[in-house]
Amino acid sequence: MKDGVFQYDRDSIKELNWPDTEYGRYAQQYVSALLEHPVEHFIANVRTAVKVVAVDGLPIPISVNEAEYANSYVCSPYTHYVSYAHEELALLNNQLLEGTLAALLRGMGHLLRTARFNRVVQVNNWLLSTNLYPPVNPDQLLKVLDFLRCEYPGYTLLFRSLSQETSGPIMDALSSYGCRWVPSRQIYLLQHPAGSKAKWLVKRDRALLDKHGYTVEGPDQITEKDIPRIVELYELLYIHKYSEHNPKFTAAYIRLALEKRTLHVHGLRKNGRLDAVLGFYSREGAMTAPLFGYDTSLPQSTGLYRMLSAVLIDLAASRGELLHESSGVGQFKRNRGAVAATEFSAVYDKGTSWLNRSGWAFLGLLLRRVGIPLIQKLKL
């Protein structure tokens, strides 16, 4: 314990007095499951030690890694900034630029492995593409940083999923503490469809449901028998079409989502068959959908992605919440009213090796000067 901060692991988690709040109950259901089984039971391509840091009674999950360079990017900075980035070079459609950046990534990858780049503790890591933050104030996060610096000397401390638009006060506090900022991706945020074109497009997407005979089903209609199909639909899109580095949710993860409502799962069904699915969670007035997939073997003209996106937008509107649409498909999201923002990781690397600090510094410089400008220019 240090200044009201406690750490719990698999052996001591029973000692934690979970807050009797919406967030506390959610955290208990989700994190307790991750501690009861190996993480790969729920996410096949993640190896990590999950623990809980409680600050002033507020539980926050952390992940602790040493190397694990084959991990999904949700707990491997190396995968995020090297392996995944290498895959996405194809989006540039420029062989010379692709070749130059590929060579740079190979060299940087060697440097980062030598620097033990994945020796990292990630704070507020729910092992998802987007980690929405709990009702924590900036001073509490700084207390967590003080605690982790003592508990994990020589480790990089990392906070993902931060942007000025969603986490301004937290970013200000972490900056004052001495964290460096490394851009991670361009995201899209939607408060509500604004403008006649955006509203018309969402209405047109929604009309495809009736045109193609799909019924929208909510958490009460999605059942145990749908689990294998949900896993398949997610993998068709996020693993097979996009990247093997995305988290590979297992049947156990989907079962947890359905039974404990760790995700609100909705789907599109036709003639008894589930053809598209999404699962979202909410926190502090924002929501995001880490589970999203559809049958990519059906004709693109069917518009399953468009229908599913319209359902998600309607859900956010009905809840009065900001929709964090993650990254990708930029023009599609812009057309429907979303606004682009740059998301960062806060990195505290003081106390690590000179080589590790140099790696983070070079990576941050490269992304600010080359990566983010390219993403913004191409509107990815």
Foldseek 3Di string as FASTA:
>chain_A
DFQQKDKFFLVRPVVQDFDPDPVSLLCCLQVNVCRVDPVCVFWVQDHWGWMWMAHNSRTKIKTFDQASLRHFCLQFVLCQQQVQVLVCLVVLVDVVVNVVVNVVSVVLSVLCVVQSQSRAMEINRSSFLARQDAPDALVRVVSVVVVVCVVRFQHKYKYWHDFCVRHVRNVVSLVVVPWDKAFRAKWWKFLAQDDPQLVVLLVVLQVLCVVVVKDKDWLVPDDLVCLVVLLVFQCVPPPVPRHVSHTRGDSVNVVSCSPSVSWTKMFIDHPRDTFWMWTKDDHDQEMETRRTGGDPVDDVVSNPVSNVVSVVSVVSVVVSGMYTYTDDPQVVSVSNHIDMTIIIMTIDRPSHDPSNVVSSVVSRVCCVVPVVVSCVVSRD
